[in-house]
N, C-alpha and C. Protein backbone atom coordinates (compact mmCIF):
# COMPACT_ATOMS: atom_id res chain seq x y z
N MET A 1 -1.78 13.33 -22.49
CA MET A 1 -1.17 14.57 -22.07
C MET A 1 -0.81 14.55 -20.59
N LEU A 2 -1.37 13.62 -19.82
CA LEU A 2 -1.06 13.58 -18.39
C LEU A 2 0.42 13.30 -18.14
N ASP A 3 1.01 12.44 -18.96
CA ASP A 3 2.44 12.16 -18.79
C ASP A 3 3.28 13.41 -19.00
N LYS A 4 2.93 14.19 -20.01
CA LYS A 4 3.65 15.44 -20.27
C LYS A 4 3.47 16.42 -19.12
N ALA A 5 2.26 16.54 -18.66
CA ALA A 5 1.99 17.46 -17.55
C ALA A 5 2.80 17.07 -16.32
N GLU A 6 2.79 15.80 -16.00
CA GLU A 6 3.56 15.33 -14.84
C GLU A 6 5.05 15.61 -15.03
N LYS A 7 5.53 15.37 -16.23
CA LYS A 7 6.95 15.64 -16.52
C LYS A 7 7.29 17.10 -16.24
N TYR A 8 6.44 18.01 -16.66
CA TYR A 8 6.72 19.44 -16.47
C TYR A 8 6.58 19.86 -15.01
N TYR A 9 5.62 19.30 -14.29
CA TYR A 9 5.52 19.58 -12.85
C TYR A 9 6.78 19.10 -12.14
N ARG A 10 7.25 17.92 -12.52
CA ARG A 10 8.48 17.38 -11.90
C ARG A 10 9.70 18.23 -12.27
N GLN A 11 9.74 18.66 -13.51
CA GLN A 11 10.85 19.50 -13.95
C GLN A 11 10.85 20.82 -13.18
N ALA A 12 9.71 21.43 -13.01
CA ALA A 12 9.62 22.69 -12.26
C ALA A 12 10.10 22.48 -10.82
N LEU A 13 9.71 21.38 -10.20
CA LEU A 13 10.15 21.09 -8.84
C LEU A 13 11.65 20.85 -8.79
N SER A 14 12.20 20.20 -9.80
CA SER A 14 13.64 19.93 -9.81
C SER A 14 14.45 21.22 -9.91
N LEU A 15 13.87 22.25 -10.52
CA LEU A 15 14.55 23.55 -10.62
C LEU A 15 14.50 24.32 -9.30
N GLU A 16 13.48 24.07 -8.51
CA GLU A 16 13.31 24.72 -7.21
C GLU A 16 12.86 23.68 -6.18
N PRO A 17 13.75 22.77 -5.80
CA PRO A 17 13.34 21.63 -4.97
C PRO A 17 12.86 22.00 -3.56
N GLU A 18 13.16 23.19 -3.09
CA GLU A 18 12.72 23.60 -1.75
C GLU A 18 11.52 24.55 -1.81
N ASN A 19 10.93 24.72 -2.98
CA ASN A 19 9.81 25.64 -3.14
C ASN A 19 8.50 24.91 -2.82
N PRO A 20 7.82 25.30 -1.73
CA PRO A 20 6.60 24.57 -1.35
C PRO A 20 5.48 24.69 -2.39
N LEU A 21 5.43 25.78 -3.13
CA LEU A 21 4.41 25.91 -4.17
C LEU A 21 4.63 24.86 -5.27
N ARG A 22 5.88 24.65 -5.64
CA ARG A 22 6.18 23.61 -6.64
C ARG A 22 5.82 22.23 -6.11
N MET A 23 6.10 22.01 -4.81
CA MET A 23 5.73 20.73 -4.20
C MET A 23 4.22 20.53 -4.26
N ASN A 24 3.49 21.57 -3.90
CA ASN A 24 2.03 21.49 -3.90
C ASN A 24 1.49 21.24 -5.30
N ASN A 25 2.03 21.94 -6.29
CA ASN A 25 1.53 21.77 -7.66
C ASN A 25 1.66 20.32 -8.13
N LEU A 26 2.84 19.74 -7.90
CA LEU A 26 3.03 18.34 -8.29
C LEU A 26 2.16 17.42 -7.44
N ALA A 27 2.14 17.67 -6.13
CA ALA A 27 1.35 16.81 -5.24
C ALA A 27 -0.12 16.81 -5.63
N LEU A 28 -0.69 17.99 -5.85
CA LEU A 28 -2.10 18.07 -6.22
C LEU A 28 -2.37 17.34 -7.53
N PHE A 29 -1.48 17.50 -8.48
CA PHE A 29 -1.66 16.83 -9.77
C PHE A 29 -1.66 15.31 -9.62
N ILE A 30 -0.64 14.77 -8.94
CA ILE A 30 -0.54 13.31 -8.87
C ILE A 30 -1.58 12.70 -7.93
N ILE A 31 -2.08 13.51 -6.98
CA ILE A 31 -3.18 13.04 -6.13
C ILE A 31 -4.49 13.09 -6.91
N ASP A 32 -4.79 14.23 -7.48
CA ASP A 32 -6.07 14.42 -8.16
C ASP A 32 -6.24 13.45 -9.32
N LYS A 33 -5.18 13.22 -10.06
CA LYS A 33 -5.24 12.31 -11.21
C LYS A 33 -4.98 10.86 -10.81
N GLU A 34 -4.81 10.64 -9.50
CA GLU A 34 -4.56 9.30 -8.94
C GLU A 34 -3.38 8.60 -9.60
N ARG A 35 -2.33 9.37 -9.81
CA ARG A 35 -1.13 8.81 -10.42
C ARG A 35 -0.19 8.24 -9.36
N ASN A 36 -0.14 8.89 -8.18
CA ASN A 36 0.67 8.39 -7.07
C ASN A 36 0.28 9.16 -5.82
N ILE A 37 -0.79 8.74 -5.18
CA ILE A 37 -1.32 9.44 -4.03
C ILE A 37 -0.33 9.45 -2.87
N THR A 38 0.33 8.34 -2.63
CA THR A 38 1.30 8.26 -1.53
C THR A 38 2.43 9.25 -1.73
N GLU A 39 2.98 9.32 -2.92
CA GLU A 39 4.04 10.28 -3.20
C GLU A 39 3.52 11.71 -3.04
N GLY A 40 2.31 11.95 -3.50
CA GLY A 40 1.72 13.27 -3.37
C GLY A 40 1.60 13.70 -1.92
N LEU A 41 1.18 12.78 -1.06
CA LEU A 41 1.06 13.10 0.36
C LEU A 41 2.43 13.34 0.99
N GLU A 42 3.44 12.61 0.56
CA GLU A 42 4.80 12.86 1.06
C GLU A 42 5.27 14.25 0.66
N LEU A 43 5.01 14.63 -0.57
CA LEU A 43 5.40 15.96 -1.04
C LEU A 43 4.67 17.07 -0.29
N ILE A 44 3.39 16.89 -0.07
CA ILE A 44 2.62 17.95 0.59
C ILE A 44 2.99 18.05 2.05
N GLU A 45 3.42 16.96 2.65
CA GLU A 45 3.93 17.03 4.03
C GLU A 45 5.15 17.94 4.09
N LYS A 46 6.03 17.81 3.12
CA LYS A 46 7.22 18.68 3.07
C LYS A 46 6.81 20.13 2.90
N ALA A 47 5.85 20.38 2.03
CA ALA A 47 5.38 21.75 1.81
C ALA A 47 4.76 22.31 3.08
N LEU A 48 3.99 21.50 3.80
CA LEU A 48 3.35 21.96 5.03
C LEU A 48 4.37 22.19 6.15
N THR A 49 5.48 21.48 6.11
CA THR A 49 6.54 21.73 7.08
C THR A 49 7.09 23.14 6.88
N LEU A 50 7.20 23.55 5.62
CA LEU A 50 7.72 24.88 5.30
C LEU A 50 6.67 25.97 5.47
N SER A 51 5.42 25.63 5.29
CA SER A 51 4.33 26.61 5.37
C SER A 51 3.09 25.94 5.96
N PRO A 52 3.07 25.75 7.29
CA PRO A 52 2.04 24.92 7.92
C PRO A 52 0.61 25.45 7.86
N ASP A 53 0.43 26.74 7.68
CA ASP A 53 -0.92 27.30 7.67
C ASP A 53 -1.38 27.73 6.28
N ASN A 54 -0.79 27.15 5.26
CA ASN A 54 -1.19 27.50 3.90
C ASN A 54 -2.48 26.73 3.57
N TYR A 55 -3.53 27.47 3.31
CA TYR A 55 -4.84 26.83 3.09
C TYR A 55 -4.83 25.92 1.85
N GLN A 56 -4.07 26.28 0.83
CA GLN A 56 -4.03 25.44 -0.37
C GLN A 56 -3.32 24.12 -0.10
N TYR A 57 -2.26 24.17 0.69
CA TYR A 57 -1.53 22.94 1.01
C TYR A 57 -2.37 22.03 1.90
N LEU A 58 -3.13 22.64 2.83
CA LEU A 58 -4.03 21.85 3.66
C LEU A 58 -5.10 21.18 2.81
N ASP A 59 -5.59 21.90 1.81
CA ASP A 59 -6.57 21.32 0.89
C ASP A 59 -5.97 20.13 0.14
N THR A 60 -4.76 20.29 -0.35
CA THR A 60 -4.11 19.20 -1.09
C THR A 60 -3.95 17.97 -0.21
N LYS A 61 -3.51 18.17 1.03
CA LYS A 61 -3.35 17.02 1.92
C LYS A 61 -4.71 16.39 2.21
N GLY A 62 -5.70 17.23 2.47
CA GLY A 62 -7.04 16.70 2.73
C GLY A 62 -7.57 15.91 1.55
N TRP A 63 -7.33 16.39 0.35
CA TRP A 63 -7.79 15.70 -0.85
C TRP A 63 -7.06 14.37 -1.02
N GLY A 64 -5.79 14.35 -0.69
CA GLY A 64 -5.03 13.10 -0.74
C GLY A 64 -5.57 12.07 0.24
N LEU A 65 -5.86 12.51 1.46
CA LEU A 65 -6.44 11.60 2.45
C LEU A 65 -7.81 11.11 2.00
N TYR A 66 -8.58 12.01 1.41
CA TYR A 66 -9.88 11.60 0.86
C TYR A 66 -9.70 10.50 -0.19
N LYS A 67 -8.74 10.69 -1.08
CA LYS A 67 -8.50 9.71 -2.15
C LYS A 67 -8.05 8.37 -1.57
N GLN A 68 -7.46 8.39 -0.37
CA GLN A 68 -7.05 7.15 0.29
C GLN A 68 -8.19 6.53 1.11
N GLY A 69 -9.34 7.19 1.13
CA GLY A 69 -10.47 6.66 1.89
C GLY A 69 -10.47 7.05 3.35
N LYS A 70 -9.61 7.97 3.73
CA LYS A 70 -9.54 8.45 5.12
C LYS A 70 -10.43 9.69 5.24
N PHE A 71 -11.72 9.45 5.19
CA PHE A 71 -12.68 10.54 5.03
C PHE A 71 -12.75 11.49 6.21
N LYS A 72 -12.73 10.97 7.44
CA LYS A 72 -12.82 11.86 8.60
C LYS A 72 -11.59 12.76 8.71
N GLU A 73 -10.41 12.18 8.55
CA GLU A 73 -9.17 12.97 8.57
C GLU A 73 -9.20 14.02 7.47
N ALA A 74 -9.64 13.60 6.31
CA ALA A 74 -9.72 14.51 5.16
C ALA A 74 -10.65 15.67 5.47
N LEU A 75 -11.81 15.36 6.01
CA LEU A 75 -12.80 16.39 6.31
C LEU A 75 -12.24 17.42 7.28
N GLU A 76 -11.53 16.97 8.30
CA GLU A 76 -10.94 17.90 9.27
C GLU A 76 -10.00 18.90 8.58
N LEU A 77 -9.13 18.40 7.74
CA LEU A 77 -8.18 19.29 7.06
C LEU A 77 -8.87 20.19 6.05
N LEU A 78 -9.83 19.65 5.34
CA LEU A 78 -10.55 20.45 4.35
C LEU A 78 -11.37 21.55 5.02
N GLU A 79 -11.94 21.24 6.18
CA GLU A 79 -12.67 22.27 6.92
C GLU A 79 -11.73 23.37 7.40
N LYS A 80 -10.55 22.97 7.89
CA LYS A 80 -9.56 23.96 8.32
C LYS A 80 -9.14 24.84 7.14
N SER A 81 -8.88 24.22 6.02
CA SER A 81 -8.50 24.96 4.82
C SER A 81 -9.58 25.97 4.45
N TRP A 82 -10.84 25.51 4.51
CA TRP A 82 -11.97 26.37 4.15
C TRP A 82 -12.07 27.56 5.11
N GLU A 83 -11.85 27.30 6.40
CA GLU A 83 -11.96 28.35 7.41
C GLU A 83 -10.90 29.44 7.25
N ILE A 84 -9.70 29.07 6.81
CA ILE A 84 -8.61 30.06 6.77
C ILE A 84 -8.36 30.64 5.38
N LYS A 85 -9.12 30.19 4.39
CA LYS A 85 -8.91 30.72 3.03
C LYS A 85 -9.22 32.22 3.01
N PRO A 86 -8.44 33.01 2.30
CA PRO A 86 -8.70 34.45 2.26
C PRO A 86 -9.82 34.84 1.29
N VAL A 87 -10.06 34.03 0.29
CA VAL A 87 -11.10 34.31 -0.71
C VAL A 87 -11.78 32.99 -1.07
N TYR A 88 -12.96 33.11 -1.68
CA TYR A 88 -13.68 31.91 -2.11
C TYR A 88 -12.81 31.11 -3.07
N ASP A 89 -12.81 29.81 -2.89
CA ASP A 89 -12.07 28.90 -3.75
C ASP A 89 -12.98 27.72 -4.08
N HIS A 90 -13.45 27.68 -5.31
CA HIS A 90 -14.42 26.66 -5.69
C HIS A 90 -13.85 25.24 -5.62
N GLY A 91 -12.58 25.09 -5.94
CA GLY A 91 -11.96 23.77 -5.86
C GLY A 91 -11.99 23.22 -4.44
N ILE A 92 -11.68 24.07 -3.48
CA ILE A 92 -11.73 23.64 -2.08
C ILE A 92 -13.17 23.32 -1.68
N TYR A 93 -14.09 24.14 -2.12
CA TYR A 93 -15.51 23.89 -1.83
C TYR A 93 -15.92 22.50 -2.34
N LEU A 94 -15.53 22.17 -3.55
CA LEU A 94 -15.88 20.87 -4.12
C LEU A 94 -15.25 19.72 -3.33
N HIS A 95 -13.98 19.88 -2.95
CA HIS A 95 -13.31 18.85 -2.15
C HIS A 95 -14.03 18.68 -0.81
N LEU A 96 -14.36 19.80 -0.18
CA LEU A 96 -15.04 19.78 1.12
C LEU A 96 -16.39 19.08 1.02
N GLU A 97 -17.15 19.38 0.00
CA GLU A 97 -18.47 18.75 -0.18
C GLU A 97 -18.34 17.24 -0.40
N GLU A 98 -17.35 16.82 -1.16
CA GLU A 98 -17.14 15.38 -1.39
C GLU A 98 -16.82 14.67 -0.06
N ALA A 99 -15.96 15.30 0.73
CA ALA A 99 -15.59 14.70 2.02
C ALA A 99 -16.79 14.66 2.96
N ARG A 100 -17.59 15.72 2.97
CA ARG A 100 -18.79 15.73 3.82
C ARG A 100 -19.75 14.61 3.43
N LYS A 101 -19.94 14.42 2.15
CA LYS A 101 -20.82 13.35 1.67
C LYS A 101 -20.28 11.98 2.08
N ALA A 102 -18.97 11.80 1.94
CA ALA A 102 -18.36 10.52 2.27
C ALA A 102 -18.49 10.22 3.77
N VAL A 103 -18.27 11.22 4.59
CA VAL A 103 -18.38 11.03 6.04
C VAL A 103 -19.84 10.75 6.41
N ALA A 104 -20.76 11.46 5.81
CA ALA A 104 -22.19 11.24 6.09
C ALA A 104 -22.60 9.83 5.70
N GLY A 105 -22.05 9.33 4.62
CA GLY A 105 -22.37 7.98 4.17
C GLY A 105 -21.77 6.90 5.06
N LYS A 106 -20.75 7.25 5.82
CA LYS A 106 -20.06 6.30 6.68
C LYS A 106 -20.74 6.14 8.03
N LYS A 107 -21.61 7.09 8.40
CA LYS A 107 -22.24 7.05 9.74
C LYS A 107 -23.28 5.97 9.84
């Protein structure tokens, strides 16, 4: 089903190619499922250019950096995302905790 999901995320983005939410949705999917982390980070960069203080987009970028093994960079972005979120977000909490563990293990 992952192929179908990716197809529909891509189709949604193709209908609204300048919509940062569509960019984030596809980016998070392909990063989280490790289908194409580099492409996901490129997409989320575009979304952040359009909406630089969006906590969800910062989380997606942080998660992508985490998946690339860039734990300190990831932690910085995930902490920023956590600080500016308007409401509790368990997904961000989980990403943040993973990055904290990874950074602690690197010391």
